């Protein structure tokens, strides 16, 4: 399976411009700390950027503080309705976002994601699937683990701390100049090098999901680790 229409050989000038706008925008509302070694992320082959999700600002932070530091274009999955919004649709498509229908989204999204990874690209995913209501990690879906197992992709855990204080779920963003949010990139790893080789498919998927979430939890403050504390 291939992912048609993707050119991810390098970061585009538009991506750099949008990243700059995202950094400026977030700096207006709060202070941002970035930690982690971007240089450890593979320059070739399939890569999954796996981040926790607690706020609408998460995507903006990743777009401004992580993606511009990479030498490769990153692919996202987004609701098709966003592409109908004037200007926004053109911008997000140019930024590597691929439309997915809400009806049957799980199947379509998985197939699209698998195609992107099998083509050797970088894919950004939130394993929880939706924003946490209290800022702590939730029980994730197992799609990310299954994708990594099937494609052999390198996984890069990313922890986003306190973004829910800046833009709580169900509320408007607020100025939080007295505090800060943290974007922390962890050490890349591959499931084949971390899991026992004799696991059944069900056991491998379960242990892979747990491992991924614990790697993300290790990048978060205790109050945000939830069941992985």
N, C-alpha and C. Protein backbone atom coordinates (compact mmCIF):
# COMPACT_ATOMS: atom_id res chain seq x y z
N UNK A 1 0.85 -1.18 0.00
CA UNK A 1 0.00 0.00 0.00
C UNK A 1 0.88 1.24 0.00
N UNK A 2 0.53 2.25 -0.77
CA UNK A 2 1.28 3.50 -0.81
C UNK A 2 0.36 4.65 -0.45
N UNK A 3 0.97 5.77 -0.11
CA UNK A 3 0.20 6.97 0.22
C UNK A 3 0.39 7.97 -0.90
N UNK A 4 -0.59 8.11 -1.80
CA UNK A 4 -0.42 8.95 -2.98
C UNK A 4 -0.36 10.42 -2.62
N UNK A 5 0.36 11.17 -3.45
CA UNK A 5 0.34 12.61 -3.33
C UNK A 5 1.18 13.17 -2.20
N UNK A 6 2.10 12.39 -1.63
CA UNK A 6 2.90 12.85 -0.51
C UNK A 6 4.32 13.12 -0.98
N UNK A 7 4.78 14.32 -0.71
CA UNK A 7 6.18 14.64 -0.97
C UNK A 7 6.78 15.07 0.36
N UNK A 8 7.53 14.18 0.98
CA UNK A 8 8.06 14.48 2.31
C UNK A 8 9.58 14.44 2.33
N UNK A 9 10.19 14.76 1.21
CA UNK A 9 11.64 14.71 1.16
C UNK A 9 12.28 15.75 2.06
N UNK A 10 11.61 16.88 2.25
CA UNK A 10 12.16 17.93 3.11
C UNK A 10 11.03 18.82 3.59
N UNK A 11 11.34 19.64 4.58
CA UNK A 11 10.36 20.58 5.11
C UNK A 11 10.19 21.71 4.11
N UNK A 12 8.97 22.05 3.78
CA UNK A 12 8.69 23.07 2.78
C UNK A 12 8.81 24.47 3.38
N UNK A 13 9.03 25.50 2.54
CA UNK A 13 9.05 26.88 3.04
C UNK A 13 7.76 27.26 3.75
N UNK A 14 6.62 26.75 3.26
CA UNK A 14 5.35 27.04 3.92
C UNK A 14 5.32 26.46 5.32
N UNK A 15 5.86 25.25 5.49
CA UNK A 15 5.91 24.64 6.81
C UNK A 15 6.74 25.48 7.77
N UNK A 16 7.85 26.01 7.28
CA UNK A 16 8.68 26.87 8.12
C UNK A 16 7.92 28.13 8.52
N UNK A 17 7.19 28.71 7.55
CA UNK A 17 6.44 29.92 7.83
C UNK A 17 5.32 29.67 8.85
N UNK A 18 4.61 28.55 8.68
CA UNK A 18 3.54 28.21 9.61
C UNK A 18 4.11 27.88 10.99
N UNK A 19 5.27 27.24 11.02
CA UNK A 19 5.91 26.94 12.29
C UNK A 19 6.29 28.21 13.02
N UNK A 20 6.81 29.18 12.30
CA UNK A 20 7.17 30.48 12.90
C UNK A 20 5.93 31.16 13.46
N UNK A 21 4.83 31.14 12.69
CA UNK A 21 3.58 31.74 13.16
C UNK A 21 3.08 31.05 14.42
N UNK A 22 3.22 29.73 14.47
CA UNK A 22 2.77 28.96 15.64
C UNK A 22 3.61 29.31 16.86
N UNK A 23 4.92 29.46 16.68
CA UNK A 23 5.78 29.82 17.81
C UNK A 23 5.45 31.21 18.34
N UNK A 24 5.26 32.15 17.43
CA UNK A 24 4.91 33.50 17.84
C UNK A 24 3.57 33.52 18.57
N UNK A 25 2.61 32.77 18.02
CA UNK A 25 1.29 32.74 18.62
C UNK A 25 1.29 32.18 20.03
N UNK A 26 2.00 31.08 20.23
CA UNK A 26 2.02 30.48 21.57
C UNK A 26 2.80 31.36 22.55
N UNK A 27 3.82 32.03 22.09
CA UNK A 27 4.59 32.91 22.97
C UNK A 27 3.78 34.11 23.44
N UNK A 28 2.79 34.48 22.68
CA UNK A 28 1.92 35.59 23.11
C UNK A 28 1.12 35.19 24.34
N UNK A 29 0.71 33.92 24.40
CA UNK A 29 -0.18 33.47 25.46
C UNK A 29 0.56 32.94 26.70
N UNK A 30 1.75 32.39 26.51
CA UNK A 30 2.45 31.79 27.65
C UNK A 30 3.93 31.61 27.31
N UNK A 31 4.68 31.07 28.24
CA UNK A 31 6.08 30.71 28.00
C UNK A 31 6.14 29.24 27.59
N UNK A 32 7.03 28.94 26.68
CA UNK A 32 7.16 27.56 26.18
C UNK A 32 8.58 27.06 26.41
N UNK A 33 8.69 25.88 27.00
CA UNK A 33 9.97 25.22 27.15
C UNK A 33 10.04 24.04 26.19
N UNK A 34 11.14 23.93 25.49
CA UNK A 34 11.35 22.78 24.60
C UNK A 34 12.54 21.99 25.09
N UNK A 35 12.37 20.67 25.21
CA UNK A 35 13.44 19.80 25.67
C UNK A 35 13.49 18.54 24.80
N UNK A 36 14.67 18.04 24.56
CA UNK A 36 14.79 16.79 23.80
C UNK A 36 15.76 16.91 22.65
N UNK A 37 16.22 15.76 22.18
CA UNK A 37 17.21 15.70 21.11
C UNK A 37 16.54 15.32 19.80
N UNK A 38 16.23 16.32 19.01
CA UNK A 38 15.62 16.09 17.70
C UNK A 38 16.57 15.31 16.78
N UNK A 39 17.86 15.50 16.96
CA UNK A 39 18.84 14.85 16.09
C UNK A 39 18.80 13.33 16.20
N UNK A 40 18.19 12.80 17.28
CA UNK A 40 18.11 11.35 17.45
C UNK A 40 17.03 10.72 16.57
N UNK A 41 16.15 11.53 16.02
CA UNK A 41 15.07 11.01 15.18
C UNK A 41 15.64 10.59 13.82
N UNK A 42 15.34 9.38 13.36
CA UNK A 42 15.91 8.89 12.09
C UNK A 42 15.63 9.83 10.92
N UNK A 43 16.62 9.95 10.06
CA UNK A 43 16.49 10.81 8.88
C UNK A 43 15.80 10.08 7.73
N UNK A 44 15.67 8.76 7.85
CA UNK A 44 15.03 7.96 6.81
C UNK A 44 14.16 6.89 7.45
N UNK A 45 13.23 6.35 6.66
CA UNK A 45 12.38 5.27 7.13
C UNK A 45 11.16 5.76 7.89
N UNK A 46 10.20 4.86 8.14
CA UNK A 46 8.94 5.25 8.79
C UNK A 46 9.16 5.64 10.25
N UNK A 47 8.53 6.74 10.65
CA UNK A 47 8.63 7.25 12.01
C UNK A 47 7.25 7.68 12.48
N UNK A 48 6.91 7.31 13.71
CA UNK A 48 5.67 7.78 14.33
C UNK A 48 6.02 8.72 15.48
N UNK A 49 5.52 9.95 15.42
CA UNK A 49 5.63 10.88 16.53
C UNK A 49 4.37 10.69 17.38
N UNK A 50 4.52 10.21 18.61
CA UNK A 50 3.38 9.86 19.46
C UNK A 50 3.31 10.80 20.65
N UNK A 51 2.26 11.62 20.71
CA UNK A 51 2.14 12.62 21.78
C UNK A 51 0.85 12.45 22.56
N UNK A 52 0.89 12.84 23.84
CA UNK A 52 -0.35 12.89 24.62
C UNK A 52 -1.19 14.07 24.14
N UNK A 53 -2.47 14.06 24.51
CA UNK A 53 -3.40 15.06 23.94
C UNK A 53 -4.35 15.56 25.03
N UNK A 54 -4.19 16.84 25.41
CA UNK A 54 -5.03 17.40 26.46
C UNK A 54 -5.66 18.73 26.09
N UNK A 55 -5.31 19.28 24.92
CA UNK A 55 -5.77 20.63 24.60
C UNK A 55 -5.76 20.85 23.09
N UNK A 56 -6.57 21.82 22.64
CA UNK A 56 -6.57 22.21 21.23
C UNK A 56 -5.25 22.85 20.82
N UNK A 57 -4.49 23.33 21.78
CA UNK A 57 -3.22 23.98 21.46
C UNK A 57 -2.11 22.98 21.19
N UNK A 58 -2.34 21.70 21.47
CA UNK A 58 -1.29 20.69 21.28
C UNK A 58 -0.75 20.67 19.85
N UNK A 59 -1.64 20.66 18.89
CA UNK A 59 -1.21 20.64 17.50
C UNK A 59 -0.42 21.87 17.11
N UNK A 60 -0.83 23.02 17.67
CA UNK A 60 -0.12 24.27 17.39
C UNK A 60 1.29 24.22 17.96
N UNK A 61 1.41 23.70 19.18
CA UNK A 61 2.73 23.60 19.80
C UNK A 61 3.64 22.66 19.02
N UNK A 62 3.12 21.52 18.60
CA UNK A 62 3.92 20.58 17.84
C UNK A 62 4.34 21.19 16.50
N UNK A 63 3.41 21.90 15.88
CA UNK A 63 3.70 22.53 14.59
C UNK A 63 4.76 23.62 14.73
N UNK A 64 4.78 24.28 15.89
CA UNK A 64 5.71 25.38 16.06
C UNK A 64 7.05 25.01 16.65
N UNK A 65 7.07 23.97 17.49
CA UNK A 65 8.28 23.70 18.26
C UNK A 65 8.97 22.37 17.94
N UNK A 66 8.27 21.45 17.29
CA UNK A 66 8.88 20.16 16.95
C UNK A 66 9.09 20.03 15.45
N UNK A 67 8.03 20.18 14.69
CA UNK A 67 8.10 19.91 13.26
C UNK A 67 9.13 20.76 12.52
N UNK A 68 9.26 22.07 12.81
CA UNK A 68 10.25 22.87 12.07
C UNK A 68 11.69 22.45 12.34
N UNK A 69 11.92 21.73 13.44
CA UNK A 69 13.27 21.28 13.76
C UNK A 69 13.67 20.02 12.99
N UNK A 70 12.70 19.37 12.37
CA UNK A 70 12.98 18.17 11.60
C UNK A 70 13.42 18.52 10.19
N UNK A 71 14.13 17.61 9.56
CA UNK A 71 14.54 17.82 8.17
C UNK A 71 13.59 17.12 7.21
N UNK A 72 12.51 16.55 7.77
CA UNK A 72 11.55 15.80 6.96
C UNK A 72 10.14 16.37 7.17
N UNK A 73 9.35 16.37 6.12
CA UNK A 73 7.97 16.80 6.22
C UNK A 73 7.16 15.78 7.02
N UNK A 74 6.34 16.26 7.93
CA UNK A 74 5.53 15.39 8.79
C UNK A 74 4.10 15.33 8.27
N UNK A 75 3.50 14.14 8.30
CA UNK A 75 2.13 13.95 7.85
C UNK A 75 1.19 13.85 9.05
N UNK A 76 -0.02 14.38 8.89
CA UNK A 76 -1.05 14.33 9.91
C UNK A 76 -2.32 13.74 9.30
N UNK A 77 -3.27 13.37 10.14
CA UNK A 77 -4.60 13.00 9.69
C UNK A 77 -5.58 13.99 10.30
N UNK A 78 -6.55 14.46 9.50
CA UNK A 78 -7.51 15.44 10.01
C UNK A 78 -8.90 15.21 9.45
N UNK A 79 -9.90 15.70 10.18
CA UNK A 79 -11.30 15.55 9.73
C UNK A 79 -11.51 16.28 8.41
N UNK A 80 -12.22 15.62 7.50
CA UNK A 80 -12.41 16.19 6.17
C UNK A 80 -13.13 17.53 6.22
N UNK A 81 -13.95 17.75 7.26
CA UNK A 81 -14.70 19.01 7.36
C UNK A 81 -13.77 20.22 7.42
N UNK A 82 -12.58 20.04 7.96
CA UNK A 82 -11.64 21.16 8.07
C UNK A 82 -11.21 21.66 6.69
N UNK A 83 -11.22 20.78 5.71
CA UNK A 83 -10.76 21.14 4.39
C UNK A 83 -11.80 21.97 3.63
N UNK A 84 -13.03 22.05 4.17
CA UNK A 84 -14.07 22.86 3.55
C UNK A 84 -14.03 24.31 4.00
N UNK A 85 -13.23 24.59 5.04
CA UNK A 85 -13.13 25.96 5.54
C UNK A 85 -12.21 26.75 4.62
N UNK A 86 -12.69 27.92 4.10
CA UNK A 86 -11.86 28.72 3.20
C UNK A 86 -10.49 29.03 3.80
N UNK A 87 -9.48 28.98 2.99
CA UNK A 87 -8.09 29.25 3.33
C UNK A 87 -7.51 28.12 4.21
N UNK A 88 -8.22 27.76 5.30
CA UNK A 88 -7.69 26.73 6.19
C UNK A 88 -7.42 25.43 5.44
N UNK A 89 -8.35 25.03 4.58
CA UNK A 89 -8.19 23.79 3.86
C UNK A 89 -6.91 23.76 3.04
N UNK A 90 -6.61 24.87 2.36
CA UNK A 90 -5.40 24.93 1.54
C UNK A 90 -4.15 24.92 2.41
N UNK A 91 -4.22 25.61 3.54
CA UNK A 91 -3.05 25.71 4.42
C UNK A 91 -2.71 24.36 5.03
N UNK A 92 -3.72 23.69 5.60
CA UNK A 92 -3.42 22.43 6.29
C UNK A 92 -3.04 21.33 5.30
N UNK A 93 -3.58 21.39 4.10
CA UNK A 93 -3.17 20.39 3.10
C UNK A 93 -1.70 20.59 2.74
N UNK A 94 -1.29 21.85 2.60
CA UNK A 94 0.11 22.13 2.29
C UNK A 94 1.02 21.78 3.45
N UNK A 95 0.45 21.68 4.66
CA UNK A 95 1.24 21.38 5.85
C UNK A 95 1.30 19.89 6.14
N UNK A 96 0.77 19.08 5.22
CA UNK A 96 0.89 17.64 5.38
C UNK A 96 -0.29 16.96 6.03
N UNK A 97 -1.44 17.65 6.13
CA UNK A 97 -2.63 17.06 6.73
C UNK A 97 -3.44 16.36 5.65
N UNK A 98 -3.91 15.14 5.96
CA UNK A 98 -4.68 14.35 5.00
C UNK A 98 -6.11 14.18 5.51
N UNK A 99 -7.10 14.44 4.67
CA UNK A 99 -8.50 14.37 5.11
C UNK A 99 -8.99 12.95 5.32
N UNK A 100 -9.75 12.75 6.38
CA UNK A 100 -10.35 11.46 6.70
C UNK A 100 -11.82 11.68 7.01
N UNK A 101 -12.69 10.86 6.43
CA UNK A 101 -14.12 10.97 6.69
C UNK A 101 -14.44 10.56 8.12
N UNK A 102 -15.39 11.26 8.74
CA UNK A 102 -15.80 10.90 10.10
C UNK A 102 -16.49 9.54 10.12
N UNK A 103 -17.35 9.30 9.14
CA UNK A 103 -18.03 8.01 9.09
C UNK A 103 -17.02 6.95 8.65
N UNK A 104 -16.85 5.94 9.49
CA UNK A 104 -15.85 4.93 9.19
C UNK A 104 -14.44 5.44 9.31
N UNK A 105 -14.25 6.48 10.15
CA UNK A 105 -12.95 7.14 10.25
C UNK A 105 -11.86 6.20 10.73
N UNK A 106 -12.20 5.27 11.63
CA UNK A 106 -11.18 4.38 12.18
C UNK A 106 -10.53 3.54 11.08
N UNK A 107 -11.34 2.98 10.20
CA UNK A 107 -10.82 2.12 9.13
C UNK A 107 -10.05 2.96 8.11
N UNK A 108 -10.66 4.06 7.70
CA UNK A 108 -10.00 4.91 6.69
C UNK A 108 -8.71 5.50 7.24
N UNK A 109 -8.75 5.97 8.49
CA UNK A 109 -7.57 6.58 9.08
C UNK A 109 -6.44 5.56 9.21
N UNK A 110 -6.79 4.33 9.60
CA UNK A 110 -5.76 3.31 9.75
C UNK A 110 -5.11 3.00 8.39
N UNK A 111 -5.91 2.86 7.38
CA UNK A 111 -5.37 2.54 6.06
C UNK A 111 -4.50 3.68 5.54
N UNK A 112 -4.95 4.91 5.75
CA UNK A 112 -4.16 6.06 5.33
C UNK A 112 -2.84 6.11 6.10
N UNK A 113 -2.91 5.92 7.42
CA UNK A 113 -1.70 5.96 8.25
C UNK A 113 -0.73 4.86 7.85
N UNK A 114 -1.25 3.66 7.61
CA UNK A 114 -0.40 2.54 7.22
C UNK A 114 0.30 2.83 5.90
N UNK A 115 -0.42 3.41 4.97
CA UNK A 115 0.16 3.75 3.68
C UNK A 115 1.27 4.78 3.80
N UNK A 116 1.06 5.77 4.67
CA UNK A 116 2.07 6.81 4.88
C UNK A 116 3.35 6.20 5.45
N UNK A 117 3.20 5.30 6.42
CA UNK A 117 4.37 4.69 7.05
C UNK A 117 5.06 3.71 6.11
N UNK A 118 4.29 2.92 5.38
CA UNK A 118 4.89 1.96 4.46
C UNK A 118 5.66 2.67 3.34
N UNK A 119 5.27 3.92 3.07
CA UNK A 119 6.00 4.71 2.08
C UNK A 119 7.25 5.35 2.67
N UNK A 120 7.48 5.13 3.99
CA UNK A 120 8.71 5.60 4.62
C UNK A 120 8.67 7.01 5.14
N UNK A 121 7.46 7.52 5.46
CA UNK A 121 7.33 8.90 5.89
C UNK A 121 7.19 9.03 7.41
N UNK A 122 7.08 10.26 7.87
CA UNK A 122 6.90 10.57 9.29
C UNK A 122 5.43 10.90 9.53
N UNK A 123 4.84 10.28 10.54
CA UNK A 123 3.42 10.46 10.84
C UNK A 123 3.25 10.89 12.29
N UNK A 124 2.47 11.94 12.52
CA UNK A 124 2.19 12.41 13.88
C UNK A 124 0.83 11.87 14.32
N UNK A 125 0.79 11.23 15.49
CA UNK A 125 -0.45 10.65 16.01
C UNK A 125 -0.61 10.95 17.50
N UNK A 126 -1.87 11.03 17.93
CA UNK A 126 -2.20 11.08 19.35
C UNK A 126 -2.81 9.72 19.71
N UNK A 127 -2.08 8.85 20.40
CA UNK A 127 -2.58 7.50 20.66
C UNK A 127 -3.87 7.45 21.46
N UNK A 128 -4.17 8.49 22.24
CA UNK A 128 -5.41 8.50 23.01
C UNK A 128 -6.63 8.77 22.13
N UNK A 129 -6.41 9.36 20.97
CA UNK A 129 -7.50 9.57 20.02
C UNK A 129 -8.32 10.83 20.26
N UNK A 130 -8.35 11.32 21.49
CA UNK A 130 -9.12 12.51 21.82
C UNK A 130 -8.48 13.18 23.02
N UNK A 131 -8.89 14.42 23.28
CA UNK A 131 -8.29 15.18 24.38
C UNK A 131 -8.74 14.67 25.75
N UNK A 132 -7.81 14.63 26.67
CA UNK A 132 -8.12 14.25 28.04
C UNK A 132 -8.92 15.36 28.72
N UNK A 133 -9.88 14.98 29.56
CA UNK A 133 -10.70 15.97 30.25
C UNK A 133 -10.02 16.56 31.47
N UNK A 134 -9.10 15.81 32.08
CA UNK A 134 -8.46 16.29 33.31
C UNK A 134 -6.96 16.52 33.15
N UNK A 135 -6.44 16.37 31.95
CA UNK A 135 -5.02 16.60 31.72
C UNK A 135 -4.15 15.37 31.89
N UNK A 136 -4.72 14.30 32.45
CA UNK A 136 -3.95 13.07 32.67
C UNK A 136 -4.10 12.12 31.49
N UNK A 137 -3.12 11.22 31.34
CA UNK A 137 -3.19 10.23 30.27
C UNK A 137 -4.43 9.36 30.41
N UNK A 138 -5.02 9.02 29.27
CA UNK A 138 -6.20 8.16 29.24
C UNK A 138 -5.79 6.78 28.71
N UNK A 139 -6.69 5.84 28.83
CA UNK A 139 -6.49 4.54 28.18
C UNK A 139 -6.53 4.76 26.68
N UNK A 140 -5.47 4.40 25.95
CA UNK A 140 -5.41 4.71 24.54
C UNK A 140 -6.10 3.67 23.67
N UNK A 141 -6.28 4.01 22.42
CA UNK A 141 -6.67 3.02 21.43
C UNK A 141 -5.40 2.24 21.05
N UNK A 142 -5.57 1.10 20.44
CA UNK A 142 -4.39 0.27 20.12
C UNK A 142 -3.93 0.44 18.68
N UNK A 143 -4.51 1.43 17.98
CA UNK A 143 -4.16 1.61 16.57
C UNK A 143 -2.70 1.95 16.35
N UNK A 144 -2.14 2.80 17.21
CA UNK A 144 -0.75 3.20 17.03
C UNK A 144 0.18 2.01 17.19
N UNK A 145 -0.06 1.21 18.23
CA UNK A 145 0.78 0.03 18.46
C UNK A 145 0.70 -0.92 17.28
N UNK A 146 -0.51 -1.13 16.76
CA UNK A 146 -0.68 -2.04 15.63
C UNK A 146 0.04 -1.51 14.39
N UNK A 147 -0.03 -0.21 14.17
CA UNK A 147 0.67 0.40 13.04
C UNK A 147 2.18 0.18 13.16
N UNK A 148 2.71 0.41 14.36
CA UNK A 148 4.15 0.25 14.56
C UNK A 148 4.58 -1.20 14.40
N UNK A 149 3.75 -2.12 14.88
CA UNK A 149 4.08 -3.54 14.75
C UNK A 149 4.06 -3.99 13.28
N UNK A 150 3.11 -3.48 12.53
CA UNK A 150 2.95 -3.91 11.14
C UNK A 150 3.96 -3.26 10.20
N UNK A 151 4.39 -2.04 10.51
CA UNK A 151 5.28 -1.32 9.60
C UNK A 151 6.73 -1.27 10.07
N UNK A 152 6.97 -1.63 11.34
CA UNK A 152 8.33 -1.55 11.87
C UNK A 152 8.79 -0.13 12.10
N UNK A 153 7.87 0.81 12.21
CA UNK A 153 8.22 2.22 12.35
C UNK A 153 8.92 2.50 13.67
N UNK A 154 9.83 3.44 13.66
CA UNK A 154 10.44 3.96 14.88
C UNK A 154 9.43 4.86 15.57
N UNK A 155 9.32 4.75 16.89
CA UNK A 155 8.37 5.55 17.65
C UNK A 155 9.13 6.61 18.44
N UNK A 156 8.66 7.85 18.35
CA UNK A 156 9.26 8.95 19.10
C UNK A 156 8.22 9.47 20.08
N UNK A 157 8.37 9.19 21.39
CA UNK A 157 7.38 9.68 22.36
C UNK A 157 7.57 11.17 22.61
N UNK A 158 6.44 11.88 22.76
CA UNK A 158 6.47 13.32 23.02
C UNK A 158 5.51 13.62 24.17
N UNK A 159 5.97 14.34 25.17
CA UNK A 159 5.14 14.72 26.30
C UNK A 159 4.82 16.20 26.26
N UNK A 160 3.54 16.54 26.33
CA UNK A 160 3.07 17.93 26.36
C UNK A 160 2.53 18.22 27.75
N UNK A 161 3.20 19.08 28.48
CA UNK A 161 2.84 19.34 29.88
C UNK A 161 2.08 20.66 30.04
N UNK A 162 0.95 20.59 30.75
CA UNK A 162 0.18 21.76 31.18
C UNK A 162 -0.47 22.55 30.05
N UNK A 163 -0.60 21.96 28.87
CA UNK A 163 -1.28 22.70 27.80
C UNK A 163 -2.76 22.88 28.10
N UNK A 164 -3.33 22.01 28.95
CA UNK A 164 -4.74 22.16 29.32
C UNK A 164 -4.96 23.40 30.19
N UNK A 165 -3.93 23.90 30.82
CA UNK A 165 -4.06 25.12 31.61
C UNK A 165 -4.12 26.35 30.70
N UNK A 166 -3.53 26.20 29.53
CA UNK A 166 -3.56 27.30 28.56
C UNK A 166 -4.86 27.31 27.76
N UNK A 167 -5.31 26.12 27.37
CA UNK A 167 -6.55 26.02 26.60
C UNK A 167 -7.31 24.80 27.07
N UNK A 168 -8.09 24.92 28.15
CA UNK A 168 -8.84 23.78 28.69
C UNK A 168 -9.87 23.26 27.69
N UNK A 169 -10.13 21.98 27.76
CA UNK A 169 -11.12 21.38 26.86
C UNK A 169 -12.49 22.00 27.11
N UNK A 170 -13.18 22.39 26.03
CA UNK A 170 -14.51 22.96 26.12
C UNK A 170 -14.54 24.43 26.47
N UNK A 171 -13.36 25.07 26.56
CA UNK A 171 -13.30 26.49 26.91
C UNK A 171 -12.40 27.22 25.93
N UNK A 172 -12.37 28.54 26.04
CA UNK A 172 -11.54 29.34 25.15
C UNK A 172 -10.11 29.41 25.69
N UNK A 173 -9.14 29.65 24.79
CA UNK A 173 -7.76 29.81 25.27
C UNK A 173 -7.64 31.05 26.15
N UNK A 174 -6.68 31.04 27.06
CA UNK A 174 -6.49 32.17 27.96
C UNK A 174 -5.01 32.52 28.06
N UNK A 175 -4.74 33.75 28.43
CA UNK A 175 -3.36 34.16 28.65
C UNK A 175 -2.87 33.54 29.95
N UNK A 176 -1.68 32.97 29.91
CA UNK A 176 -1.09 32.34 31.10
C UNK A 176 0.38 32.73 31.15
N UNK A 177 0.61 34.03 31.30
CA UNK A 177 1.96 34.55 31.29
C UNK A 177 2.75 34.20 32.54
N UNK A 178 2.04 33.84 33.61
CA UNK A 178 2.73 33.51 34.86
C UNK A 178 3.25 32.06 34.87
N UNK A 179 2.82 31.26 33.92
CA UNK A 179 3.22 29.86 33.87
C UNK A 179 3.92 29.51 32.58
N UNK A 180 4.06 28.22 32.32
CA UNK A 180 4.69 27.77 31.09
C UNK A 180 4.19 26.38 30.74
N UNK A 181 4.26 26.06 29.45
CA UNK A 181 3.98 24.71 28.97
C UNK A 181 5.31 24.12 28.49
N UNK A 182 5.38 22.80 28.51
CA UNK A 182 6.63 22.13 28.13
C UNK A 182 6.38 21.14 27.01
N UNK A 183 7.23 21.18 26.02
CA UNK A 183 7.24 20.20 24.93
C UNK A 183 8.51 19.39 25.09
N UNK A 184 8.37 18.10 25.42
CA UNK A 184 9.53 17.27 25.71
C UNK A 184 9.56 16.07 24.76
N UNK A 185 10.64 15.94 23.99
CA UNK A 185 10.81 14.85 23.03
C UNK A 185 11.67 13.76 23.65
N UNK A 186 11.17 12.53 23.64
CA UNK A 186 11.88 11.41 24.24
C UNK A 186 12.78 10.68 23.26
N UNK A 187 13.40 9.64 23.75
CA UNK A 187 14.32 8.83 22.94
C UNK A 187 13.56 7.92 22.00
N UNK A 188 13.88 7.92 20.71
CA UNK A 188 13.20 7.03 19.75
C UNK A 188 13.47 5.56 20.08
N UNK A 189 12.50 4.70 19.76
CA UNK A 189 12.67 3.26 19.97
C UNK A 189 11.84 2.48 18.97
N UNK A 190 12.18 1.20 18.81
CA UNK A 190 11.44 0.31 17.93
C UNK A 190 10.91 -0.85 18.75
N UNK A 191 9.67 -1.22 18.51
CA UNK A 191 9.04 -2.29 19.28
C UNK A 191 9.78 -3.61 19.14
N UNK A 192 10.32 -3.88 17.96
CA UNK A 192 11.01 -5.14 17.73
C UNK A 192 12.22 -5.30 18.65
N UNK A 193 12.76 -4.17 19.11
CA UNK A 193 13.94 -4.21 19.97
C UNK A 193 13.57 -4.16 21.45
N UNK A 194 12.30 -3.98 21.76
CA UNK A 194 11.86 -3.82 23.15
C UNK A 194 10.99 -4.97 23.65
N UNK A 195 10.27 -5.63 22.75
CA UNK A 195 9.34 -6.68 23.15
C UNK A 195 9.93 -8.07 22.98
N UNK A 196 9.52 -9.02 23.79
CA UNK A 196 9.97 -10.41 23.60
C UNK A 196 9.54 -10.92 22.23
N UNK A 197 10.34 -11.74 21.58
CA UNK A 197 10.05 -12.16 20.21
C UNK A 197 8.95 -13.22 20.10
N UNK A 198 8.60 -13.89 21.20
CA UNK A 198 7.68 -15.03 21.11
C UNK A 198 6.25 -14.68 21.55
N UNK A 199 5.89 -13.41 21.53
CA UNK A 199 4.54 -13.01 21.94
C UNK A 199 3.52 -13.33 20.86
N UNK A 200 2.30 -13.64 21.29
CA UNK A 200 1.21 -13.78 20.34
C UNK A 200 0.85 -12.38 19.82
N UNK A 201 0.06 -12.33 18.77
CA UNK A 201 -0.33 -11.05 18.19
C UNK A 201 -1.08 -10.19 19.22
N UNK A 202 -1.97 -10.82 19.97
CA UNK A 202 -2.74 -10.09 20.98
C UNK A 202 -1.84 -9.59 22.09
N UNK A 203 -0.92 -10.43 22.54
CA UNK A 203 0.00 -10.02 23.61
C UNK A 203 0.94 -8.92 23.14
N UNK A 204 1.40 -9.03 21.90
CA UNK A 204 2.31 -8.01 21.37
C UNK A 204 1.62 -6.66 21.29
N UNK A 205 0.37 -6.66 20.83
CA UNK A 205 -0.36 -5.40 20.72
C UNK A 205 -0.60 -4.77 22.09
N UNK A 206 -0.96 -5.60 23.06
CA UNK A 206 -1.22 -5.10 24.41
C UNK A 206 0.05 -4.54 25.06
N UNK A 207 1.14 -5.31 24.97
CA UNK A 207 2.38 -4.86 25.59
C UNK A 207 2.96 -3.66 24.86
N UNK A 208 2.78 -3.59 23.54
CA UNK A 208 3.27 -2.46 22.78
C UNK A 208 2.54 -1.18 23.18
N UNK A 209 1.22 -1.27 23.32
CA UNK A 209 0.43 -0.11 23.73
C UNK A 209 0.87 0.38 25.09
N UNK A 210 1.05 -0.55 26.02
CA UNK A 210 1.48 -0.18 27.37
C UNK A 210 2.87 0.47 27.35
N UNK A 211 3.78 -0.09 26.57
CA UNK A 211 5.13 0.44 26.49
C UNK A 211 5.13 1.86 25.93
N UNK A 212 4.37 2.08 24.86
CA UNK A 212 4.31 3.40 24.25
C UNK A 212 3.80 4.44 25.24
N UNK A 213 2.72 4.11 25.95
CA UNK A 213 2.14 5.06 26.89
C UNK A 213 3.07 5.33 28.07
N UNK A 214 3.81 4.32 28.50
CA UNK A 214 4.74 4.53 29.62
C UNK A 214 5.92 5.40 29.19
N UNK A 215 6.32 5.29 27.93
CA UNK A 215 7.40 6.15 27.44
C UNK A 215 6.92 7.60 27.37
N UNK A 216 5.66 7.80 27.00
CA UNK A 216 5.12 9.16 27.00
C UNK A 216 4.97 9.66 28.43
N UNK A 217 4.47 8.81 29.31
CA UNK A 217 4.26 9.19 30.72
C UNK A 217 5.56 9.64 31.37
N UNK A 218 6.66 9.00 31.01
CA UNK A 218 7.96 9.34 31.60
C UNK A 218 8.38 10.77 31.26
N UNK A 219 7.75 11.36 30.24
CA UNK A 219 8.08 12.73 29.83
C UNK A 219 7.15 13.76 30.46
N UNK A 220 6.21 13.30 31.27
CA UNK A 220 5.20 14.18 31.87
C UNK A 220 5.38 14.29 33.38
N UNK A 221 4.87 15.37 33.97
CA UNK A 221 4.87 15.45 35.43
C UNK A 221 3.94 14.39 36.01
N UNK A 222 4.14 14.01 37.24
CA UNK A 222 3.38 12.93 37.87
C UNK A 222 1.88 13.13 37.75
N UNK A 223 1.41 14.37 37.89
CA UNK A 223 -0.04 14.64 37.88
C UNK A 223 -0.68 14.36 36.53
N UNK A 224 0.12 14.23 35.48
CA UNK A 224 -0.43 13.99 34.16
C UNK A 224 -0.25 12.55 33.68
N UNK A 225 0.33 11.70 34.51
CA UNK A 225 0.63 10.34 34.05
C UNK A 225 -0.55 9.39 34.14
N UNK A 226 -1.56 9.74 34.89
CA UNK A 226 -2.76 8.90 34.98
C UNK A 226 -2.43 7.49 35.40
N UNK A 227 -2.99 6.49 34.70
CA UNK A 227 -2.75 5.08 35.05
C UNK A 227 -1.32 4.62 34.78
N UNK A 228 -0.50 5.47 34.16
CA UNK A 228 0.88 5.10 33.84
C UNK A 228 1.88 5.77 34.77
N UNK A 229 1.40 6.28 35.91
CA UNK A 229 2.26 6.93 36.88
C UNK A 229 3.06 5.91 37.69
